[in-house]
Amino acid sequence: MMYNLLPFEQAQLATFSKEKVYSLSKLASELMFTMLHKQEERSCRVSGAFFTHFCHNVVTKSAISTATVYLALKYVQRIKEFAGVLRKEQDFEFNLFLAALVLAHKSLEDCTYANRTWCQLSGLSLDILNQWETKLLTMIKYNTYVSSEEFSQWSLYIRQFERHNTYLNQPQASPTNGPPTGRRWSFPNIHQGGNVMSNSWESLSVRRR
C-alpha cells in the first residue's frame, strides 16, 4: 500500500546547485550530531567537518532526493534513545547515516541501488553496511513507515532547525579539494551527466514495509 508524501517546497522540483547540495549535506551532518551527541561533544567541529564531507559525497554521487535525506534523518531521530550505546562504536555516524539512507531509498523508490553500489560510492565495506542496516532495522523495530502527516511535521522541524542553527547559517564554501587527510575514502561517480537530486515529487512515496 502506498502513501503519497506532501511536497514541503515546490522549489525542490528543480535541479539543485552544488551549493544547495552542500547545504543539505551540512544540515544532515549537523542534525545527526545534535541528535546523537552530547553538547560538549558537539563543540568540536573537526570530526563534524569530515562527516559533513562524507555526507556531501554520498548525497552527490547517489543523486538522491531531499526527501530521502529527510526520511533517513527521521529514522535516526527514532533511535535517539540508543545514542549512548551507539557512541561507543567507532565511526558510528558514518555507518548509521549510510544505513539510514539505504533504508530511506528503499522505502521511497521503486528502483533502488544494491548495497554493494552504496559501498562503492561511500567507501564503506559491504559487511559493515549490511550489519548496520540490520542493526537500524532492529532499533526501529522494522517499522520504516512514515505517514504523510508525520513526514510533513518532520520536514517543518528540519526547516526550523536549519533556520535557527547558528553554525548552519555561517557562510562556508562547498568542499572542492577532496576529504580531509588522515583517512582514505573512495567516491567513484556512478552517475554520468545526470542531474543531482532532480527526482520529481510525483514519484516519491513511503511504503508500509
C-alpha atoms as a PDB file:
ATOM      1  CA  MET A   1       0.000   0.000   0.000  1.00  0.00           C
ATOM      2  CA  MET A   2       1.389   3.382  -0.985  1.00  0.00           C
ATOM      3  CA  TYR A   3       1.189   6.701   0.852  1.00  0.00           C
ATOM      4  CA  ASN A   4       1.995   9.827  -1.120  1.00  0.00           C
ATOM      5  CA  LEU A   5       4.137  12.467   0.509  1.00  0.00           C
ATOM      6  CA  LEU A   6       3.156  16.105   0.503  1.00  0.00           C
ATOM      7  CA  PRO A   7       5.748  18.481  -1.004  1.00  0.00           C
ATOM      8  CA  PHE A   8       7.350  20.757   1.571  1.00  0.00           C
ATOM      9  CA  GLU A   9       8.934  23.043  -1.016  1.00  0.00           C
ATOM     10  CA  GLN A  10       7.934  23.449  -4.657  1.00  0.00           C
ATOM     11  CA  ALA A  11      11.499  24.581  -5.293  1.00  0.00           C
ATOM     12  CA  GLN A  12      12.675  21.044  -4.597  1.00  0.00           C
ATOM     13  CA  LEU A  13      11.392  20.021  -8.021  1.00  0.00           C
ATOM     14  CA  ALA A  14      14.223  21.912  -9.644  1.00  0.00           C
ATOM     15  CA  THR A  15      17.776  20.727 -10.123  1.00  0.00           C
ATOM     16  CA  PHE A  16      19.965  21.566  -7.133  1.00  0.00           C
ATOM     17  CA  SER A  17      23.065  23.667  -7.396  1.00  0.00           C
ATOM     18  CA  LYS A  18      26.287  22.446  -5.829  1.00  0.00           C
ATOM     19  CA  GLU A  19      25.830  24.989  -3.034  1.00  0.00           C
ATOM     20  CA  LYS A  20      22.367  23.637  -2.181  1.00  0.00           C
ATOM     21  CA  VAL A  21      23.625  20.059  -2.228  1.00  0.00           C
ATOM     22  CA  TYR A  22      26.370  21.028   0.201  1.00  0.00           C
ATOM     23  CA  SER A  23      23.878  22.905   2.401  1.00  0.00           C
ATOM     24  CA  LEU A  24      21.715  19.787   2.574  1.00  0.00           C
ATOM     25  CA  SER A  25      24.758  17.677   3.465  1.00  0.00           C
ATOM     26  CA  LYS A  26      25.843  20.135   6.122  1.00  0.00           C
ATOM     27  CA  LEU A  27      22.310  20.128   7.531  1.00  0.00           C
ATOM     28  CA  ALA A  28      22.250  16.323   7.688  1.00  0.00           C
ATOM     29  CA  SER A  29      25.618  16.247   9.439  1.00  0.00           C
ATOM     30  CA  GLU A  30      24.688  18.900  11.999  1.00  0.00           C
ATOM     31  CA  LEU A  31      21.311  17.358  12.779  1.00  0.00           C
ATOM     32  CA  MET A  32      22.895  13.919  13.186  1.00  0.00           C
ATOM     33  CA  PHE A  33      25.417  15.320  15.681  1.00  0.00           C
ATOM     34  CA  THR A  34      22.692  17.236  17.527  1.00  0.00           C
ATOM     35  CA  MET A  35      20.516  14.151  17.902  1.00  0.00           C
ATOM     36  CA  LEU A  36      23.256  11.690  18.829  1.00  0.00           C
ATOM     37  CA  HIS A  37      25.999  13.602  20.670  1.00  0.00           C
ATOM     38  CA  LYS A  38      26.167  15.442  23.945  1.00  0.00           C
ATOM     39  CA  GLN A  39      26.549  19.219  23.932  1.00  0.00           C
ATOM     40  CA  GLU A  40      30.238  19.139  24.878  1.00  0.00           C
ATOM     41  CA  GLU A  41      30.969  16.671  22.082  1.00  0.00           C
ATOM     42  CA  ARG A  42      29.209  18.806  19.501  1.00  0.00           C
ATOM     43  CA  SER A  43      31.513  21.730  20.296  1.00  0.00           C
ATOM     44  CA  CYS A  44      34.325  20.011  18.353  1.00  0.00           C
ATOM     45  CA  ARG A  45      33.919  20.629  14.618  1.00  0.00           C
ATOM     46  CA  VAL A  46      36.927  18.606  13.427  1.00  0.00           C
ATOM     47  CA  SER A  47      35.199  15.239  13.162  1.00  0.00           C
ATOM     48  CA  GLY A  48      31.985  17.029  12.208  1.00  0.00           C
ATOM     49  CA  ALA A  49      33.681  18.636   9.205  1.00  0.00           C
ATOM     50  CA  PHE A  50      34.884  15.281   7.938  1.00  0.00           C
ATOM     51  CA  PHE A  51      31.436  13.752   8.450  1.00  0.00           C
ATOM     52  CA  THR A  52      29.896  16.650   6.519  1.00  0.00           C
ATOM     53  CA  HIS A  53      32.248  15.912   3.650  1.00  0.00           C
ATOM     54  CA  PHE A  54      31.281  12.249   3.774  1.00  0.00           C
ATOM     55  CA  CYS A  55      27.575  13.193   3.646  1.00  0.00           C
ATOM     56  CA  HIS A  56      28.238  15.579   0.772  1.00  0.00           C
ATOM     57  CA  ASN A  57      29.958  12.926  -1.314  1.00  0.00           C
ATOM     58  CA  VAL A  58      27.301  10.278  -0.697  1.00  0.00           C
ATOM     59  CA  VAL A  59      24.441  12.663  -1.468  1.00  0.00           C
ATOM     60  CA  THR A  60      26.163  13.951  -4.595  1.00  0.00           C
ATOM     61  CA  LYS A  61      27.296  10.635  -6.032  1.00  0.00           C
ATOM     62  CA  SER A  62      23.989   8.861  -5.332  1.00  0.00           C
ATOM     63  CA  ALA A  63      21.871  11.739  -6.708  1.00  0.00           C
ATOM     64  CA  ILE A  64      19.233  11.072  -4.041  1.00  0.00           C
ATOM     65  CA  SER A  65      16.349  13.408  -3.339  1.00  0.00           C
ATOM     66  CA  THR A  66      15.905  15.726  -0.384  1.00  0.00           C
ATOM     67  CA  ALA A  67      13.024  13.502   0.723  1.00  0.00           C
ATOM     68  CA  THR A  68      15.400  10.552   1.003  1.00  0.00           C
ATOM     69  CA  VAL A  69      17.775  12.515   3.231  1.00  0.00           C
ATOM     70  CA  TYR A  70      14.892  13.777   5.393  1.00  0.00           C
ATOM     71  CA  LEU A  71      13.450  10.288   5.764  1.00  0.00           C
ATOM     72  CA  ALA A  72      16.868   8.886   6.679  1.00  0.00           C
ATOM     73  CA  LEU A  73      17.188  11.543   9.379  1.00  0.00           C
ATOM     74  CA  LYS A  74      13.705  10.617  10.610  1.00  0.00           C
ATOM     75  CA  TYR A  75      14.854   7.038  11.119  1.00  0.00           C
ATOM     76  CA  VAL A  76      17.842   8.337  13.086  1.00  0.00           C
ATOM     77  CA  GLN A  77      15.526  10.504  15.185  1.00  0.00           C
ATOM     78  CA  ARG A  78      13.544   7.397  16.105  1.00  0.00           C
ATOM     79  CA  ILE A  79      16.606   5.764  17.697  1.00  0.00           C
ATOM     80  CA  LYS A  80      17.863   8.680  19.796  1.00  0.00           C
ATOM     81  CA  GLU A  81      17.375   6.574  22.931  1.00  0.00           C
ATOM     82  CA  PHE A  82      20.216   4.329  21.739  1.00  0.00           C
ATOM     83  CA  ALA A  83      22.634   7.248  21.290  1.00  0.00           C
ATOM     84  CA  GLY A  84      24.680   6.377  24.380  1.00  0.00           C
ATOM     85  CA  VAL A  85      25.284   2.844  23.142  1.00  0.00           C
ATOM     86  CA  LEU A  86      25.986   3.953  19.580  1.00  0.00           C
ATOM     87  CA  ARG A  87      28.633   6.465  20.675  1.00  0.00           C
ATOM     88  CA  LYS A  88      30.752   3.587  21.977  1.00  0.00           C
ATOM     89  CA  GLU A  89      31.291   2.323  18.429  1.00  0.00           C
ATOM     90  CA  GLN A  90      33.964   3.900  16.243  1.00  0.00           C
ATOM     91  CA  ASP A  91      32.726   5.846  13.217  1.00  0.00           C
ATOM     92  CA  PHE A  92      29.125   5.045  14.036  1.00  0.00           C
ATOM     93  CA  GLU A  93      27.889   8.275  12.421  1.00  0.00           C
ATOM     94  CA  PHE A  94      29.184   7.230   9.005  1.00  0.00           C
ATOM     95  CA  ASN A  95      27.775   3.715   9.264  1.00  0.00           C
ATOM     96  CA  LEU A  96      24.435   4.838  10.664  1.00  0.00           C
ATOM     97  CA  PHE A  97      23.903   7.622   8.134  1.00  0.00           C
ATOM     98  CA  LEU A  98      24.590   5.329   5.204  1.00  0.00           C
ATOM     99  CA  ALA A  99      22.358   2.583   6.599  1.00  0.00           C
ATOM    100  CA  ALA A 100      19.571   5.121   7.134  1.00  0.00           C
ATOM    101  CA  LEU A 101      19.948   6.378   3.557  1.00  0.00           C
ATOM    102  CA  VAL A 102      19.749   2.811   2.255  1.00  0.00           C
ATOM    103  CA  LEU A 103      16.505   2.158   4.140  1.00  0.00           C
ATOM    104  CA  ALA A 104      15.031   5.522   3.131  1.00  0.00           C
ATOM    105  CA  HIS A 105      15.889   4.996  -0.528  1.00  0.00           C
ATOM    106  CA  LYS A 106      14.330   1.523  -0.467  1.00  0.00           C
ATOM    107  CA  SER A 107      11.194   2.973   1.122  1.00  0.00           C
ATOM    108  CA  LEU A 108      10.818   5.819  -1.370  1.00  0.00           C
ATOM    109  CA  GLU A 109      11.992   4.460  -4.694  1.00  0.00           C
ATOM    110  CA  ASP A 110      10.833   1.556  -6.839  1.00  0.00           C
ATOM    111  CA  CYS A 111      14.286   1.271  -8.407  1.00  0.00           C
ATOM    112  CA  THR A 112      16.986   1.289  -5.721  1.00  0.00           C
ATOM    113  CA  TYR A 113      20.718   0.715  -5.538  1.00  0.00           C
ATOM    114  CA  ALA A 114      22.156  -2.590  -4.388  1.00  0.00           C
ATOM    115  CA  ASN A 115      24.009  -2.363  -1.097  1.00  0.00           C
ATOM    116  CA  ARG A 116      27.220  -3.116  -2.966  1.00  0.00           C
ATOM    117  CA  THR A 117      26.696   0.047  -5.025  1.00  0.00           C
ATOM    118  CA  TRP A 118      26.214   2.150  -1.884  1.00  0.00           C
ATOM    119  CA  CYS A 119      29.518   0.761  -0.649  1.00  0.00           C
ATOM    120  CA  GLN A 120      31.270   1.633  -3.900  1.00  0.00           C
ATOM    121  CA  LEU A 121      30.174   5.247  -3.739  1.00  0.00           C
ATOM    122  CA  SER A 122      30.740   5.676   0.003  1.00  0.00           C
ATOM    123  CA  GLY A 123      33.933   3.747   0.649  1.00  0.00           C
ATOM    124  CA  LEU A 124      32.387   1.644   3.431  1.00  0.00           C
ATOM    125  CA  SER A 125      32.579  -2.137   3.385  1.00  0.00           C
ATOM    126  CA  LEU A 126      29.624  -4.318   2.407  1.00  0.00           C
ATOM    127  CA  ASP A 127      29.797  -6.344   5.603  1.00  0.00           C
ATOM    128  CA  ILE A 128      29.654  -3.219   7.744  1.00  0.00           C
ATOM    129  CA  LEU A 129      26.746  -1.769   5.771  1.00  0.00           C
ATOM    130  CA  ASN A 130      24.747  -4.997   5.983  1.00  0.00           C
ATOM    131  CA  GLN A 131      25.374  -5.181   9.723  1.00  0.00           C
ATOM    132  CA  TRP A 132      24.267  -1.594  10.283  1.00  0.00           C
ATOM    133  CA  GLU A 133      21.209  -1.919   8.084  1.00  0.00           C
ATOM    134  CA  THR A 134      20.092  -4.897  10.193  1.00  0.00           C
ATOM    135  CA  LYS A 135      21.005  -3.052  13.391  1.00  0.00           C
ATOM    136  CA  LEU A 136      18.991   0.014  12.375  1.00  0.00           C
ATOM    137  CA  LEU A 137      16.002  -2.092  11.366  1.00  0.00           C
ATOM    138  CA  THR A 138      16.132  -3.799  14.747  1.00  0.00           C
ATOM    139  CA  MET A 139      16.266  -0.497  16.626  1.00  0.00           C
ATOM    140  CA  ILE A 140      13.242   0.883  14.752  1.00  0.00           C
ATOM    141  CA  LYS A 141      11.515  -2.498  15.144  1.00  0.00           C
ATOM    142  CA  TYR A 142      11.375  -2.922  11.362  1.00  0.00           C
ATOM    143  CA  ASN A 143       8.881  -0.063  11.123  1.00  0.00           C
ATOM    144  CA  THR A 144      10.014   2.020   8.145  1.00  0.00           C
ATOM    145  CA  TYR A 145       6.572   3.513   7.550  1.00  0.00           C
ATOM    146  CA  VAL A 146       6.180   7.284   7.900  1.00  0.00           C
ATOM    147  CA  SER A 147       2.787   8.854   7.227  1.00  0.00           C
ATOM    148  CA  SER A 148       2.405  11.983   5.108  1.00  0.00           C
ATOM    149  CA  GLU A 149       1.418  13.974   8.198  1.00  0.00           C
ATOM    150  CA  GLU A 150       4.399  12.778  10.211  1.00  0.00           C
ATOM    151  CA  PHE A 151       6.751  13.472   7.314  1.00  0.00           C
ATOM    152  CA  SER A 152       5.355  16.984   6.848  1.00  0.00           C
ATOM    153  CA  GLN A 153       5.800  17.733  10.564  1.00  0.00           C
ATOM    154  CA  TRP A 154       9.339  16.377  10.454  1.00  0.00           C
ATOM    155  CA  SER A 155      10.137  18.493   7.385  1.00  0.00           C
ATOM    156  CA  LEU A 156       8.864  21.569   9.226  1.00  0.00           C
ATOM    157  CA  TYR A 157      11.058  20.761  12.215  1.00  0.00           C
ATOM    158  CA  ILE A 158      14.119  20.400   9.968  1.00  0.00           C
ATOM    159  CA  ARG A 159      13.473  23.768   8.303  1.00  0.00           C
ATOM    160  CA  GLN A 160      13.122  25.422  11.711  1.00  0.00           C
ATOM    161  CA  PHE A 161      16.304  23.712  12.911  1.00  0.00           C
ATOM    162  CA  GLU A 162      18.150  24.992   9.865  1.00  0.00           C
ATOM    163  CA  ARG A 163      16.763  28.496  10.279  1.00  0.00           C
ATOM    164  CA  HIS A 164      17.792  28.849  13.931  1.00  0.00           C
ATOM    165  CA  ASN A 165      21.106  26.980  13.889  1.00  0.00           C
ATOM    166  CA  THR A 166      23.981  29.447  14.052  1.00  0.00           C
ATOM    167  CA  TYR A 167      26.545  27.044  12.597  1.00  0.00           C
ATOM    168  CA  LEU A 168      24.398  26.277   9.553  1.00  0.00           C
ATOM    169  CA  ASN A 169      23.884  29.965   8.867  1.00  0.00           C
ATOM    170  CA  GLN A 170      27.593  30.701   8.720  1.00  0.00           C
ATOM    171  CA  PRO A 171      28.801  31.279   5.136  1.00  0.00           C
ATOM    172  CA  GLN A 172      31.018  28.449   4.007  1.00  0.00           C
ATOM    173  CA  ALA A 173      32.157  27.364   0.572  1.00  0.00           C
ATOM    174  CA  SER A 174      31.454  23.875  -0.713  1.00  0.00           C
ATOM    175  CA  PRO A 175      34.380  21.446  -0.450  1.00  0.00           C
ATOM    176  CA  THR A 176      36.361  21.173  -3.663  1.00  0.00           C
ATOM    177  CA  ASN A 177      39.678  19.589  -2.743  1.00  0.00           C
ATOM    178  CA  GLY A 178      38.553  16.188  -1.501  1.00  0.00           C
ATOM    179  CA  PRO A 179      38.168  14.881   2.045  1.00  0.00           C
ATOM    180  CA  PRO A 180      40.479  15.904   4.867  1.00  0.00           C
ATOM    181  CA  THR A 181      43.705  13.930   5.109  1.00  0.00           C
ATOM    182  CA  GLY A 182      44.208  11.187   7.635  1.00  0.00           C
ATOM    183  CA  ARG A 183      41.697   8.691   6.274  1.00  0.00           C
ATOM    184  CA  ARG A 184      41.189   7.024   2.906  1.00  0.00           C
ATOM    185  CA  TRP A 185      37.790   7.033   1.214  1.00  0.00           C
ATOM    186  CA  SER A 186      36.754   6.255  -2.337  1.00  0.00           C
ATOM    187  CA  PHE A 187      33.985   8.194  -4.043  1.00  0.00           C
ATOM    188  CA  PRO A 188      33.560   6.949  -7.634  1.00  0.00           C
ATOM    189  CA  ASN A 189      30.929   8.762  -9.668  1.00  0.00           C
ATOM    190  CA  ILE A 190      28.200   6.272 -10.610  1.00  0.00           C
ATOM    191  CA  HIS A 191      26.202   8.921 -12.471  1.00  0.00           C
ATOM    192  CA  GLN A 192      27.446  10.352 -15.728  1.00  0.00           C
ATOM    193  CA  GLY A 193      25.827  13.588 -16.773  1.00  0.00           C
ATOM    194  CA  GLY A 194      22.698  13.176 -14.661  1.00  0.00           C
ATOM    195  CA  ASN A 195      21.097  15.981 -12.685  1.00  0.00           C
ATOM    196  CA  VAL A 196      21.855  15.816  -8.982  1.00  0.00           C
ATOM    197  CA  MET A 197      18.765  15.407  -6.801  1.00  0.00           C
ATOM    198  CA  SER A 198      16.228  16.155  -9.545  1.00  0.00           C
ATOM    199  CA  ASN A 199      13.686  13.494  -8.531  1.00  0.00           C
ATOM    200  CA  SER A 200      10.070  14.506  -9.062  1.00  0.00           C
ATOM    201  CA  TRP A 201       7.805  14.618  -6.047  1.00  0.00           C
ATOM    202  CA  GLU A 202       5.183  12.685  -8.020  1.00  0.00           C
ATOM    203  CA  SER A 203       7.452   9.632  -7.861  1.00  0.00           C
ATOM    204  CA  LEU A 204       8.051   9.805  -4.105  1.00  0.00           C
ATOM    205  CA  SER A 205       6.095   7.729  -1.630  1.00  0.00           C
ATOM    206  CA  VAL A 206       6.585   5.869   1.626  1.00  0.00           C
ATOM    207  CA  ARG A 207       5.769   2.212   1.734  1.00  0.00           C
ATOM    208  CA  ARG A 208       4.445   0.235   4.638  1.00  0.00           C
ATOM    209  CA  ARG A 209       7.204  -2.325   4.888  1.00  0.00           C
END
